[in-house]
């Protein structure tokens, strides 16, 4: 992964107008971002997926905008006033968007396009897939079972931690982007630390080189996941976070099941169900409400910033005029 990130660093070095000197505090911030959003987030998701099933793991993902929304409000990264019209619309839009994503997961309905499918009806992973026979962290399950926590409950905790860390990543990243606005370099540094964490964890979690052996299909999947689904995804998300803020970026996360449904229909021939269509409409409506509220807030702030200097300059001008008129009176 470091090899894939090096070209990104070289490209970002050309943007010297936005790059700042890297201090120890920034390095610590990069390490924290790599640990929360890249290393911990993905590790907990994979553990939760192996301890539960694909359907259950997907059901937790709409919680990411909720965690991000709450953390951004608590930390003060974004000001959310629920007593104003725009604040109420923001909360309502977030709820509508999350409801649409949850609806897509739990409600299928009749098939609108295509017939049949290859996914098990109960939503569990099919036999032979990664999540049906995945290697689980033996040391983790043994330790948790000693405290009376079952494997399924451990998977739920891992999925909750996955959503929380993803929200924390976006919230922590927003102020870091103000100090270090080069989004590509920031992503590259974060990935470098995350890669270090992943390698160390892999060394301690495996028992031999045979566990690192991969087939040709697995190598292709890893390259796609590393370059497209991970590197390009996080670089784009960092750039969007600098412009839109963490809450709105996280709110686009529920679009993933909608896009997955569309791509699965195009490339795999899986059917589109009524629940997917209704849930997708709710997601689009929620995104529109939040975007509309954010636009109104931005317009109001922009108008106030234009009017404030005019009001401040108008007062001394009037005083100077009265003083001048008094000086020429006999």
Foldseek 3Di string as FASTA:
>chain_A
DLVLLVVLQVVLVVPVVQADDQDPVLLVLLLLLLVQAPQLLVVLLLQLCLLAFDLVLQLLLLCLLVLLVVVCCVVVVDPQDCVDPLSVLLVVLSVLQSVLLNLLSPPFADFDFFDDDDADPVRGHDPPDCSVDPDHQPVVQVVVVVVVQHSNNSSVVSSVSSSNSNSVSQSSLQVSCVVRVSLSNSLSSSNVSNVVVVVVCVVVRDDDPVVVDDDPVVVVVVVCCPNPVPNVVSSVLSNVCNPPNSSLSSLCSSCVVLVVVVVCCVPVVDTHGPSSVSSVVSSVSSSVSNVVSVVVVVVVVVVCVVVVVVVVVVVVVVVVVVVVVVVPDD
